[in-house]
Amino acid sequence: MNNYEEFTKYDLLAKICIVKTEFGGRQNAVFDGYRGQFFWHINNVDGSDWDASYIFEKGSVSPGDESQCKILLSENVKKYSKGIFPTENQFGIREGSRIIAVGIILENNVKNA
């Protein structure tokens, strides 16, 4: 049983889609607590990977599927972004150089730094 509804202290609410295996994505599902790199543009940098942890609406998401998720960001990304994560902006989730999911921000709970 997952704790998505009870998990109330999160930084971002997002909708994500896990890239299908045949398009270079993972072969297996990702589960609550997954720690893929949050790929986000900050301060005119083309792109940066930041530590994050994810809690999924149904506890897991398989390649090709979509889900809402709650994201806990590292203190570094919150500091350098100054809390600016506009809703409707897109981001990627990476494993090394491979993008395994894409998402869109639905809600920002990050306090301005």
PDB file of N, CA and C in Angstrom:
ATOM      1  N   MET A   1       0.846  -1.186   0.000  1.00  0.00           N
ATOM      2  CA  MET A   1       0.000   0.000   0.000  1.00  0.00           C
ATOM      3  C   MET A   1       0.890   1.247   0.000  1.00  0.00           C
ATOM      4  N   ASN A   2       0.587   2.183  -0.868  1.00  0.00           N
ATOM      5  CA  ASN A   2       1.423   3.375  -0.924  1.00  0.00           C
ATOM      6  C   ASN A   2       0.816   4.484  -0.083  1.00  0.00           C
ATOM      7  N   ASN A   3       1.631   5.464   0.212  1.00  0.00           N
ATOM      8  CA  ASN A   3       1.208   6.527   1.127  1.00  0.00           C
ATOM      9  C   ASN A   3       1.071   7.874   0.426  1.00  0.00           C
ATOM     10  N   TYR A   4       0.689   7.863  -0.825  1.00  0.00           N
ATOM     11  CA  TYR A   4       0.608   9.080  -1.632  1.00  0.00           C
ATOM     12  C   TYR A   4      -0.290  10.133  -0.974  1.00  0.00           C
ATOM     13  N   GLU A   5      -1.489   9.758  -0.564  1.00  0.00           N
ATOM     14  CA  GLU A   5      -2.426  10.715   0.021  1.00  0.00           C
ATOM     15  C   GLU A   5      -1.930  11.278   1.348  1.00  0.00           C
ATOM     16  N   GLU A   6      -1.258  10.451   2.146  1.00  0.00           N
ATOM     17  CA  GLU A   6      -0.777  10.896   3.447  1.00  0.00           C
ATOM     18  C   GLU A   6       0.509  11.713   3.348  1.00  0.00           C
ATOM     19  N   PHE A   7       1.158  11.649   2.200  1.00  0.00           N
ATOM     20  CA  PHE A   7       2.435  12.341   2.001  1.00  0.00           C
ATOM     21  C   PHE A   7       2.141  13.806   1.687  1.00  0.00           C
ATOM     22  N   THR A   8       2.164  14.669   2.707  1.00  0.00           N
ATOM     23  CA  THR A   8       1.732  16.055   2.536  1.00  0.00           C
ATOM     24  C   THR A   8       2.871  17.068   2.468  1.00  0.00           C
ATOM     25  N   LYS A   9       4.066  16.693   2.871  1.00  0.00           N
ATOM     26  CA  LYS A   9       5.202  17.625   2.833  1.00  0.00           C
ATOM     27  C   LYS A   9       6.072  17.301   1.622  1.00  0.00           C
ATOM     28  N   TYR A  10       5.739  17.930   0.514  1.00  0.00           N
ATOM     29  CA  TYR A  10       6.473  17.729  -0.732  1.00  0.00           C
ATOM     30  C   TYR A  10       6.727  19.088  -1.360  1.00  0.00           C
ATOM     31  N   ASP A  11       7.675  19.134  -2.287  1.00  0.00           N
ATOM     32  CA  ASP A  11       8.045  20.398  -2.928  1.00  0.00           C
ATOM     33  C   ASP A  11       7.238  20.681  -4.188  1.00  0.00           C
ATOM     34  N   LEU A  12       7.078  19.657  -5.023  1.00  0.00           N
ATOM     35  CA  LEU A  12       6.364  19.832  -6.282  1.00  0.00           C
ATOM     36  C   LEU A  12       5.350  18.715  -6.478  1.00  0.00           C
ATOM     37  N   LEU A  13       4.240  19.051  -7.102  1.00  0.00           N
ATOM     38  CA  LEU A  13       3.292  18.062  -7.590  1.00  0.00           C
ATOM     39  C   LEU A  13       3.417  18.106  -9.100  1.00  0.00           C
ATOM     40  N   ALA A  14       3.516  16.947  -9.722  1.00  0.00           N
ATOM     41  CA  ALA A  14       3.745  16.901 -11.164  1.00  0.00           C
ATOM     42  C   ALA A  14       3.005  15.733 -11.797  1.00  0.00           C
ATOM     43  N   LYS A  15       2.843  15.824 -13.090  1.00  0.00           N
ATOM     44  CA  LYS A  15       2.362  14.695 -13.884  1.00  0.00           C
ATOM     45  C   LYS A  15       3.540  14.256 -14.728  1.00  0.00           C
ATOM     46  N   ILE A  16       3.848  12.957 -14.682  1.00  0.00           N
ATOM     47  CA  ILE A  16       4.988  12.451 -15.438  1.00  0.00           C
ATOM     48  C   ILE A  16       4.560  11.328 -16.373  1.00  0.00           C
ATOM     49  N   CYS A  17       5.382  11.096 -17.378  1.00  0.00           N
ATOM     50  CA  CYS A  17       5.218   9.972 -18.292  1.00  0.00           C
ATOM     51  C   CYS A  17       6.571   9.275 -18.394  1.00  0.00           C
ATOM     52  N   ILE A  18       6.587   7.989 -18.082  1.00  0.00           N
ATOM     53  CA  ILE A  18       7.816   7.206 -18.188  1.00  0.00           C
ATOM     54  C   ILE A  18       8.009   6.827 -19.655  1.00  0.00           C
ATOM     55  N   VAL A  19       9.198   7.098 -20.193  1.00  0.00           N
ATOM     56  CA  VAL A  19       9.507   6.815 -21.589  1.00  0.00           C
ATOM     57  C   VAL A  19       9.433   5.303 -21.835  1.00  0.00           C
ATOM     58  N   LYS A  20       8.815   4.916 -22.945  1.00  0.00           N
ATOM     59  CA  LYS A  20       8.716   3.507 -23.294  1.00  0.00           C
ATOM     60  C   LYS A  20      10.102   2.917 -23.548  1.00  0.00           C
ATOM     61  N   THR A  21      10.238   1.637 -23.246  1.00  0.00           N
ATOM     62  CA  THR A  21      11.510   0.932 -23.429  1.00  0.00           C
ATOM     63  C   THR A  21      12.005   1.047 -24.866  1.00  0.00           C
ATOM     64  N   GLU A  22      11.112   0.890 -25.843  1.00  0.00           N
ATOM     65  CA  GLU A  22      11.528   0.917 -27.258  1.00  0.00           C
ATOM     66  C   GLU A  22      12.006   2.293 -27.706  1.00  0.00           C
ATOM     67  N   PHE A  23      11.770   3.318 -26.895  1.00  0.00           N
ATOM     68  CA  PHE A  23      12.254   4.663 -27.212  1.00  0.00           C
ATOM     69  C   PHE A  23      13.431   5.055 -26.338  1.00  0.00           C
ATOM     70  N   GLY A  24      14.073   4.071 -25.712  1.00  0.00           N
ATOM     71  CA  GLY A  24      15.266   4.325 -24.911  1.00  0.00           C
ATOM     72  C   GLY A  24      15.032   4.440 -23.424  1.00  0.00           C
ATOM     73  N   GLY A  25      13.811   4.176 -22.978  1.00  0.00           N
ATOM     74  CA  GLY A  25      13.490   4.274 -21.558  1.00  0.00           C
ATOM     75  C   GLY A  25      13.889   3.021 -20.793  1.00  0.00           C
ATOM     76  N   ARG A  26      13.464   2.970 -19.563  1.00  0.00           N
ATOM     77  CA  ARG A  26      13.742   1.838 -18.675  1.00  0.00           C
ATOM     78  C   ARG A  26      13.010   0.582 -19.145  1.00  0.00           C
ATOM     79  N   GLN A  27      13.484  -0.553 -18.648  1.00  0.00           N
ATOM     80  CA  GLN A  27      12.786  -1.806 -18.904  1.00  0.00           C
ATOM     81  C   GLN A  27      11.809  -2.136 -17.777  1.00  0.00           C
ATOM     82  N   ASN A  28      12.032  -1.550 -16.608  1.00  0.00           N
ATOM     83  CA  ASN A  28      11.223  -1.861 -15.435  1.00  0.00           C
ATOM     84  C   ASN A  28      10.554  -0.605 -14.889  1.00  0.00           C
ATOM     85  N   ALA A  29       9.551  -0.828 -14.065  1.00  0.00           N
ATOM     86  CA  ALA A  29       8.823   0.273 -13.427  1.00  0.00           C
ATOM     87  C   ALA A  29       9.711   1.000 -12.421  1.00  0.00           C
ATOM     88  N   VAL A  30       9.302   2.201 -12.061  1.00  0.00           N
ATOM     89  CA  VAL A  30       9.912   2.940 -10.955  1.00  0.00           C
ATOM     90  C   VAL A  30       8.909   2.938  -9.802  1.00  0.00           C
ATOM     91  N   PHE A  31       9.413   2.944  -8.581  1.00  0.00           N
ATOM     92  CA  PHE A  31       8.588   2.811  -7.389  1.00  0.00           C
ATOM     93  C   PHE A  31       8.781   3.999  -6.450  1.00  0.00           C
ATOM     94  N   ASP A  32       7.851   4.151  -5.496  1.00  0.00           N
ATOM     95  CA  ASP A  32       7.965   5.192  -4.482  1.00  0.00           C
ATOM     96  C   ASP A  32       9.376   5.231  -3.914  1.00  0.00           C
ATOM     97  N   GLY A  33       9.887   6.442  -3.720  1.00  0.00           N
ATOM     98  CA  GLY A  33      11.233   6.609  -3.193  1.00  0.00           C
ATOM     99  C   GLY A  33      12.294   6.641  -4.275  1.00  0.00           C
ATOM    100  N   TYR A  34      11.884   6.462  -5.531  1.00  0.00           N
ATOM    101  CA  TYR A  34      12.829   6.503  -6.658  1.00  0.00           C
ATOM    102  C   TYR A  34      13.625   7.801  -6.597  1.00  0.00           C
ATOM    103  N   ARG A  35      14.919   7.727  -6.909  1.00  0.00           N
ATOM    104  CA  ARG A  35      15.797   8.891  -6.789  1.00  0.00           C
ATOM    105  C   ARG A  35      16.457   9.254  -8.114  1.00  0.00           C
ATOM    106  N   GLY A  36      15.663   9.335  -9.164  1.00  0.00           N
ATOM    107  CA  GLY A  36      16.191   9.777 -10.455  1.00  0.00           C
ATOM    108  C   GLY A  36      16.581  11.242 -10.401  1.00  0.00           C
ATOM    109  N   GLN A  37      17.448  11.643 -11.290  1.00  0.00           N
ATOM    110  CA  GLN A  37      17.930  13.021 -11.316  1.00  0.00           C
ATOM    111  C   GLN A  37      16.852  13.939 -11.895  1.00  0.00           C
ATOM    112  N   PHE A  38      16.560  15.014 -11.187  1.00  0.00           N
ATOM    113  CA  PHE A  38      15.605  16.026 -11.625  1.00  0.00           C
ATOM    114  C   PHE A  38      16.356  16.961 -12.562  1.00  0.00           C
ATOM    115  N   PHE A  39      16.030  16.910 -13.862  1.00  0.00           N
ATOM    116  CA  PHE A  39      16.745  17.682 -14.880  1.00  0.00           C
ATOM    117  C   PHE A  39      16.007  18.999 -15.095  1.00  0.00           C
ATOM    118  N   TRP A  40      16.650  20.107 -14.689  1.00  0.00           N
ATOM    119  CA  TRP A  40      15.990  21.412 -14.651  1.00  0.00           C
ATOM    120  C   TRP A  40      16.973  22.508 -15.018  1.00  0.00           C
ATOM    121  N   HIS A  41      16.514  23.516 -15.731  1.00  0.00           N
ATOM    122  CA  HIS A  41      17.348  24.658 -16.128  1.00  0.00           C
ATOM    123  C   HIS A  41      17.338  25.720 -15.026  1.00  0.00           C
ATOM    124  N   ILE A  42      18.535  26.135 -14.606  1.00  0.00           N
ATOM    125  CA  ILE A  42      18.648  27.164 -13.574  1.00  0.00           C
ATOM    126  C   ILE A  42      19.712  28.180 -13.981  1.00  0.00           C
ATOM    127  N   ASN A  43      19.406  29.451 -13.808  1.00  0.00           N
ATOM    128  CA  ASN A  43      20.373  30.542 -13.993  1.00  0.00           C
ATOM    129  C   ASN A  43      21.108  30.484 -15.330  1.00  0.00           C
ATOM    130  N   ASN A  44      20.338  30.353 -16.396  1.00  0.00           N
ATOM    131  CA  ASN A  44      20.893  30.355 -17.753  1.00  0.00           C
ATOM    132  C   ASN A  44      21.840  29.194 -18.036  1.00  0.00           C
ATOM    133  N   VAL A  45      21.794  28.151 -17.231  1.00  0.00           N
ATOM    134  CA  VAL A  45      22.565  26.941 -17.504  1.00  0.00           C
ATOM    135  C   VAL A  45      21.691  26.083 -18.396  1.00  0.00           C
ATOM    136  N   ASP A  46      22.276  25.488 -19.447  1.00  0.00           N
ATOM    137  CA  ASP A  46      21.482  24.712 -20.399  1.00  0.00           C
ATOM    138  C   ASP A  46      20.675  23.616 -19.719  1.00  0.00           C
ATOM    139  N   GLY A  47      21.231  22.991 -18.735  1.00  0.00           N
ATOM    140  CA  GLY A  47      20.506  21.959 -18.014  1.00  0.00           C
ATOM    141  C   GLY A  47      21.370  21.410 -16.903  1.00  0.00           C
ATOM    142  N   SER A  48      20.782  21.073 -15.826  1.00  0.00           N
ATOM    143  CA  SER A  48      21.511  20.547 -14.686  1.00  0.00           C
ATOM    144  C   SER A  48      20.712  19.419 -14.067  1.00  0.00           C
ATOM    145  N   ASP A  49      21.421  18.427 -13.542  1.00  0.00           N
ATOM    146  CA  ASP A  49      20.787  17.332 -12.832  1.00  0.00           C
ATOM    147  C   ASP A  49      20.834  17.631 -11.347  1.00  0.00           C
ATOM    148  N   TRP A  50      19.703  17.451 -10.679  1.00  0.00           N
ATOM    149  CA  TRP A  50      19.593  17.721  -9.261  1.00  0.00           C
ATOM    150  C   TRP A  50      18.982  16.514  -8.576  1.00  0.00           C
ATOM    151  N   ASP A  51      19.413  16.257  -7.342  1.00  0.00           N
ATOM    152  CA  ASP A  51      18.869  15.135  -6.577  1.00  0.00           C
ATOM    153  C   ASP A  51      17.413  15.387  -6.230  1.00  0.00           C
ATOM    154  N   ALA A  52      16.602  14.335  -6.354  1.00  0.00           N
ATOM    155  CA  ALA A  52      15.193  14.403  -5.999  1.00  0.00           C
ATOM    156  C   ALA A  52      14.693  13.004  -5.662  1.00  0.00           C
ATOM    157  N   SER A  53      13.591  12.958  -4.938  1.00  0.00           N
ATOM    158  CA  SER A  53      12.941  11.701  -4.599  1.00  0.00           C
ATOM    159  C   SER A  53      11.473  11.825  -4.992  1.00  0.00           C
ATOM    160  N   TYR A  54      10.878  10.735  -5.456  1.00  0.00           N
ATOM    161  CA  TYR A  54       9.538  10.766  -6.038  1.00  0.00           C
ATOM    162  C   TYR A  54       8.605   9.791  -5.320  1.00  0.00           C
ATOM    163  N   ILE A  55       7.359  10.225  -5.100  1.00  0.00           N
ATOM    164  CA  ILE A  55       6.292   9.383  -4.558  1.00  0.00           C
ATOM    165  C   ILE A  55       5.176   9.384  -5.608  1.00  0.00           C
ATOM    166  N   PHE A  56       4.797   8.196  -6.081  1.00  0.00           N
ATOM    167  CA  PHE A  56       3.850   8.074  -7.191  1.00  0.00           C
ATOM    168  C   PHE A  56       2.431   7.800  -6.709  1.00  0.00           C
ATOM    169  N   GLU A  57       1.476   8.273  -7.482  1.00  0.00           N
ATOM    170  CA  GLU A  57       0.066   8.178  -7.132  1.00  0.00           C
ATOM    171  C   GLU A  57      -0.366   6.740  -6.814  1.00  0.00           C
ATOM    172  N   LYS A  58       0.126   5.782  -7.575  1.00  0.00           N
ATOM    173  CA  LYS A  58      -0.268   4.387  -7.355  1.00  0.00           C
ATOM    174  C   LYS A  58       0.895   3.542  -6.829  1.00  0.00           C
ATOM    175  N   GLY A  59       1.962   4.183  -6.385  1.00  0.00           N
ATOM    176  CA  GLY A  59       3.089   3.451  -5.816  1.00  0.00           C
ATOM    177  C   GLY A  59       4.166   3.080  -6.806  1.00  0.00           C
ATOM    178  N   SER A  60       3.815   3.005  -8.095  1.00  0.00           N
ATOM    179  CA  SER A  60       4.802   2.701  -9.127  1.00  0.00           C
ATOM    180  C   SER A  60       4.272   3.180 -10.477  1.00  0.00           C
ATOM    181  N   VAL A  61       5.186   3.297 -11.442  1.00  0.00           N
ATOM    182  CA  VAL A  61       4.824   3.675 -12.804  1.00  0.00           C
ATOM    183  C   VAL A  61       5.678   2.843 -13.757  1.00  0.00           C
ATOM    184  N   SER A  62       5.042   2.211 -14.726  1.00  0.00           N
ATOM    185  CA  SER A  62       5.732   1.373 -15.707  1.00  0.00           C
ATOM    186  C   SER A  62       6.057   2.179 -16.957  1.00  0.00           C
ATOM    187  N   PRO A  63       7.052   1.725 -17.738  1.00  0.00           N
ATOM    188  CA  PRO A  63       7.367   2.412 -18.992  1.00  0.00           C
ATOM    189  C   PRO A  63       6.125   2.544 -19.873  1.00  0.00           C
ATOM    190  N   GLY A  64       5.915   3.752 -20.404  1.00  0.00           N
ATOM    191  CA  GLY A  64       4.766   4.048 -21.248  1.00  0.00           C
ATOM    192  C   GLY A  64       3.566   4.562 -20.490  1.00  0.00           C
ATOM    193  N   ASP A  65       3.597   4.516 -19.159  1.00  0.00           N
ATOM    194  CA  ASP A  65       2.462   4.958 -18.351  1.00  0.00           C
ATOM    195  C   ASP A  65       2.678   6.360 -17.794  1.00  0.00           C
ATOM    196  N   GLU A  66       1.566   7.000 -17.408  1.00  0.00           N
ATOM    197  CA  GLU A  66       1.586   8.323 -16.792  1.00  0.00           C
ATOM    198  C   GLU A  66       1.133   8.222 -15.345  1.00  0.00           C
ATOM    199  N   SER A  67       1.543   9.189 -14.547  1.00  0.00           N
ATOM    200  CA  SER A  67       1.134   9.224 -13.149  1.00  0.00           C
ATOM    201  C   SER A  67       1.358  10.619 -12.597  1.00  0.00           C
ATOM    202  N   GLN A  68       0.563  10.976 -11.592  1.00  0.00           N
ATOM    203  CA  GLN A  68       0.921  12.137 -10.802  1.00  0.00           C
ATOM    204  C   GLN A  68       1.970  11.690  -9.804  1.00  0.00           C
ATOM    205  N   CYS A  69       2.832  12.611  -9.403  1.00  0.00           N
ATOM    206  CA  CYS A  69       3.823  12.281  -8.382  1.00  0.00           C
ATOM    207  C   CYS A  69       4.111  13.515  -7.541  1.00  0.00           C
ATOM    208  N   LYS A  70       4.556  13.235  -6.341  1.00  0.00           N
ATOM    209  CA  LYS A  70       5.001  14.274  -5.425  1.00  0.00           C
ATOM    210  C   LYS A  70       6.511  14.179  -5.360  1.00  0.00           C
ATOM    211  N   ILE A  71       7.175  15.332  -5.441  1.00  0.00           N
ATOM    212  CA  ILE A  71       8.626  15.365  -5.569  1.00  0.00           C
ATOM    213  C   ILE A  71       9.235  16.094  -4.384  1.00  0.00           C
ATOM    214  N   LEU A  72      10.250  15.467  -3.802  1.00  0.00           N
ATOM    215  CA  LEU A  72      11.082  16.100  -2.779  1.00  0.00           C
ATOM    216  C   LEU A  72      12.393  16.485  -3.454  1.00  0.00           C
ATOM    217  N   LEU A  73      12.703  17.773  -3.468  1.00  0.00           N
ATOM    218  CA  LEU A  73      13.925  18.267  -4.112  1.00  0.00           C
ATOM    219  C   LEU A  73      15.053  18.390  -3.097  1.00  0.00           C
ATOM    220  N   SER A  74      16.291  18.284  -3.585  1.00  0.00           N
ATOM    221  CA  SER A  74      17.438  18.499  -2.711  1.00  0.00           C
ATOM    222  C   SER A  74      17.501  19.972  -2.300  1.00  0.00           C
ATOM    223  N   GLU A  75      18.159  20.231  -1.191  1.00  0.00           N
ATOM    224  CA  GLU A  75      18.313  21.616  -0.726  1.00  0.00           C
ATOM    225  C   GLU A  75      19.070  22.459  -1.747  1.00  0.00           C
ATOM    226  N   ASN A  76      20.017  21.856  -2.484  1.00  0.00           N
ATOM    227  CA  ASN A  76      20.785  22.615  -3.477  1.00  0.00           C
ATOM    228  C   ASN A  76      19.901  23.159  -4.591  1.00  0.00           C
ATOM    229  N   VAL A  77      19.018  22.341  -5.128  1.00  0.00           N
ATOM    230  CA  VAL A  77      18.174  22.824  -6.222  1.00  0.00           C
ATOM    231  C   VAL A  77      17.216  23.904  -5.720  1.00  0.00           C
ATOM    232  N   LYS A  78      16.727  23.771  -4.503  1.00  0.00           N
ATOM    233  CA  LYS A  78      15.851  24.805  -3.957  1.00  0.00           C
ATOM    234  C   LYS A  78      16.621  26.110  -3.752  1.00  0.00           C
ATOM    235  N   LYS A  79      17.861  26.002  -3.290  1.00  0.00           N
ATOM    236  CA  LYS A  79      18.695  27.188  -3.062  1.00  0.00           C
ATOM    237  C   LYS A  79      19.019  27.901  -4.381  1.00  0.00           C
ATOM    238  N   TYR A  80      19.522  27.160  -5.356  1.00  0.00           N
ATOM    239  CA  TYR A  80      19.967  27.789  -6.600  1.00  0.00           C
ATOM    240  C   TYR A  80      18.813  28.249  -7.483  1.00  0.00           C
ATOM    241  N   SER A  81      17.652  27.628  -7.349  1.00  0.00           N
ATOM    242  CA  SER A  81      16.497  28.039  -8.151  1.00  0.00           C
ATOM    243  C   SER A  81      15.751  29.200  -7.518  1.00  0.00           C
ATOM    244  N   LYS A  82      16.061  29.478  -6.233  1.00  0.00           N
ATOM    245  CA  LYS A  82      15.339  30.482  -5.454  1.00  0.00           C
ATOM    246  C   LYS A  82      13.852  30.151  -5.358  1.00  0.00           C
ATOM    247  N   GLY A  83      13.535  28.850  -5.468  1.00  0.00           N
ATOM    248  CA  GLY A  83      12.151  28.402  -5.337  1.00  0.00           C
ATOM    249  C   GLY A  83      11.295  28.630  -6.559  1.00  0.00           C
ATOM    250  N   ILE A  84      11.906  29.045  -7.661  1.00  0.00           N
ATOM    251  CA  ILE A  84      11.141  29.366  -8.864  1.00  0.00           C
ATOM    252  C   ILE A  84      10.971  28.108  -9.720  1.00  0.00           C
ATOM    253  N   PHE A  85       9.789  27.517  -9.619  1.00  0.00           N
ATOM    254  CA  PHE A  85       9.392  26.361 -10.415  1.00  0.00           C
ATOM    255  C   PHE A  85       7.991  26.642 -10.939  1.00  0.00           C
ATOM    256  N   PRO A  86       7.884  27.391 -12.044  1.00  0.00           N
ATOM    257  CA  PRO A  86       6.561  27.787 -12.537  1.00  0.00           C
ATOM    258  C   PRO A  86       5.700  26.582 -12.922  1.00  0.00           C
ATOM    259  N   THR A  87       4.409  26.665 -12.572  1.00  0.00           N
ATOM    260  CA  THR A  87       3.502  25.605 -12.997  1.00  0.00           C
ATOM    261  C   THR A  87       3.426  25.602 -14.519  1.00  0.00           C
ATOM    262  N   GLU A  88       3.177  24.437 -15.050  1.00  0.00           N
ATOM    263  CA  GLU A  88       3.111  24.168 -16.493  1.00  0.00           C
ATOM    264  C   GLU A  88       4.488  24.060 -17.146  1.00  0.00           C
ATOM    265  N   ASN A  89       5.576  24.303 -16.399  1.00  0.00           N
ATOM    266  CA  ASN A  89       6.903  24.107 -16.973  1.00  0.00           C
ATOM    267  C   ASN A  89       7.245  22.628 -17.002  1.00  0.00           C
ATOM    268  N   GLN A  90       8.033  22.243 -17.994  1.00  0.00           N
ATOM    269  CA  GLN A  90       8.425  20.851 -18.160  1.00  0.00           C
ATOM    270  C   GLN A  90       9.775  20.580 -17.520  1.00  0.00           C
ATOM    271  N   PHE A  91      10.004  19.316 -17.192  1.00  0.00           N
ATOM    272  CA  PHE A  91      11.286  18.868 -16.663  1.00  0.00           C
ATOM    273  C   PHE A  91      11.512  17.435 -17.120  1.00  0.00           C
ATOM    274  N   GLY A  92      12.724  16.959 -16.920  1.00  0.00           N
ATOM    275  CA  GLY A  92      13.042  15.574 -17.235  1.00  0.00           C
ATOM    276  C   GLY A  92      13.500  14.850 -15.985  1.00  0.00           C
ATOM    277  N   ILE A  93      13.381  13.538 -16.018  1.00  0.00           N
ATOM    278  CA  ILE A  93      13.966  12.686 -14.985  1.00  0.00           C
ATOM    279  C   ILE A  93      14.986  11.822 -15.702  1.00  0.00           C
ATOM    280  N   ARG A  94      16.219  11.856 -15.196  1.00  0.00           N
ATOM    281  CA  ARG A  94      17.305  11.168 -15.885  1.00  0.00           C
ATOM    282  C   ARG A  94      17.959  10.118 -15.003  1.00  0.00           C
ATOM    283  N   GLU A  95      18.540   9.145 -15.690  1.00  0.00           N
ATOM    284  CA  GLU A  95      19.447   8.177 -15.084  1.00  0.00           C
ATOM    285  C   GLU A  95      20.738   8.317 -15.881  1.00  0.00           C
ATOM    286  N   GLY A  96      21.706   8.995 -15.301  1.00  0.00           N
ATOM    287  CA  GLY A  96      22.916   9.315 -16.058  1.00  0.00           C
ATOM    288  C   GLY A  96      22.541  10.243 -17.195  1.00  0.00           C
ATOM    289  N   SER A  97      22.934   9.906 -18.426  1.00  0.00           N
ATOM    290  CA  SER A  97      22.636  10.760 -19.572  1.00  0.00           C
ATOM    291  C   SER A  97      21.309  10.405 -20.239  1.00  0.00           C
ATOM    292  N   ARG A  98      20.631   9.380 -19.750  1.00  0.00           N
ATOM    293  CA  ARG A  98      19.393   8.903 -20.374  1.00  0.00           C
ATOM    294  C   ARG A  98      18.156   9.515 -19.697  1.00  0.00           C
ATOM    295  N   ILE A  99      17.303  10.143 -20.494  1.00  0.00           N
ATOM    296  CA  ILE A  99      16.036  10.652 -19.974  1.00  0.00           C
ATOM    297  C   ILE A  99      15.065   9.482 -19.913  1.00  0.00           C
ATOM    298  N   ILE A 100      14.555   9.194 -18.704  1.00  0.00           N
ATOM    299  CA  ILE A 100      13.649   8.062 -18.539  1.00  0.00           C
ATOM    300  C   ILE A 100      12.203   8.516 -18.330  1.00  0.00           C
ATOM    301  N   ALA A 101      12.003   9.818 -18.102  1.00  0.00           N
ATOM    302  CA  ALA A 101      10.648  10.340 -17.928  1.00  0.00           C
ATOM    303  C   ALA A 101      10.637  11.829 -18.217  1.00  0.00           C
ATOM    304  N   VAL A 102       9.476  12.311 -18.611  1.00  0.00           N
ATOM    305  CA  VAL A 102       9.261  13.745 -18.774  1.00  0.00           C
ATOM    306  C   VAL A 102       8.056  14.106 -17.922  1.00  0.00           C
ATOM    307  N   GLY A 103       8.045  15.342 -17.452  1.00  0.00           N
ATOM    308  CA  GLY A 103       6.953  15.752 -16.581  1.00  0.00           C
ATOM    309  C   GLY A 103       6.606  17.211 -16.753  1.00  0.00           C
ATOM    310  N   ILE A 104       5.495  17.572 -16.135  1.00  0.00           N
ATOM    311  CA  ILE A 104       5.041  18.962 -16.117  1.00  0.00           C
ATOM    312  C   ILE A 104       4.646  19.296 -14.679  1.00  0.00           C
ATOM    313  N   ILE A 105       5.062  20.465 -14.231  1.00  0.00           N
ATOM    314  CA  ILE A 105       4.789  20.888 -12.865  1.00  0.00           C
ATOM    315  C   ILE A 105       3.344  21.359 -12.745  1.00  0.00           C
ATOM    316  N   LEU A 106       2.638  20.791 -11.761  1.00  0.00           N
ATOM    317  CA  LEU A 106       1.242  21.157 -11.515  1.00  0.00           C
ATOM    318  C   LEU A 106       1.102  22.096 -10.318  1.00  0.00           C
ATOM    319  N   GLU A 107       2.013  21.970  -9.349  1.00  0.00           N
ATOM    320  CA  GLU A 107       1.924  22.761  -8.117  1.00  0.00           C
ATOM    321  C   GLU A 107       3.327  22.927  -7.531  1.00  0.00           C
ATOM    322  N   ASN A 108       3.621  24.120  -7.025  1.00  0.00           N
ATOM    323  CA  ASN A 108       4.917  24.424  -6.411  1.00  0.00           C
ATOM    324  C   ASN A 108       4.700  24.800  -4.958  1.00  0.00           C
ATOM    325  N   ASN A 109       5.310  24.039  -4.059  1.00  0.00           N
ATOM    326  CA  ASN A 109       5.246  24.325  -2.617  1.00  0.00           C
ATOM    327  C   ASN A 109       6.600  24.771  -2.058  1.00  0.00           C
ATOM    328  N   VAL A 110       7.552  25.063  -2.911  1.00  0.00           N
ATOM    329  CA  VAL A 110       8.888  25.470  -2.472  1.00  0.00           C
ATOM    330  C   VAL A 110       8.834  26.914  -2.001  1.00  0.00           C
ATOM    331  N   LYS A 111       9.340  27.136  -0.818  1.00  0.00           N
ATOM    332  CA  LYS A 111       9.414  28.500  -0.277  1.00  0.00           C
ATOM    333  C   LYS A 111      10.576  29.224  -0.955  1.00  0.00           C
ATOM    334  N   ASN A 112      10.390  30.493  -1.290  1.00  0.00           N
ATOM    335  CA  ASN A 112      11.466  31.271  -1.907  1.00  0.00           C
ATOM    336  C   ASN A 112      12.671  31.312  -0.991  1.00  0.00           C
ATOM    337  N   ALA A 113      13.835  31.107  -1.589  1.00  0.00           N
ATOM    338  CA  ALA A 113      15.078  31.092  -0.798  1.00  0.00           C
ATOM    339  C   ALA A 113      15.557  32.488  -0.497  1.00  0.00           C
TER     340      ALA A 113
END
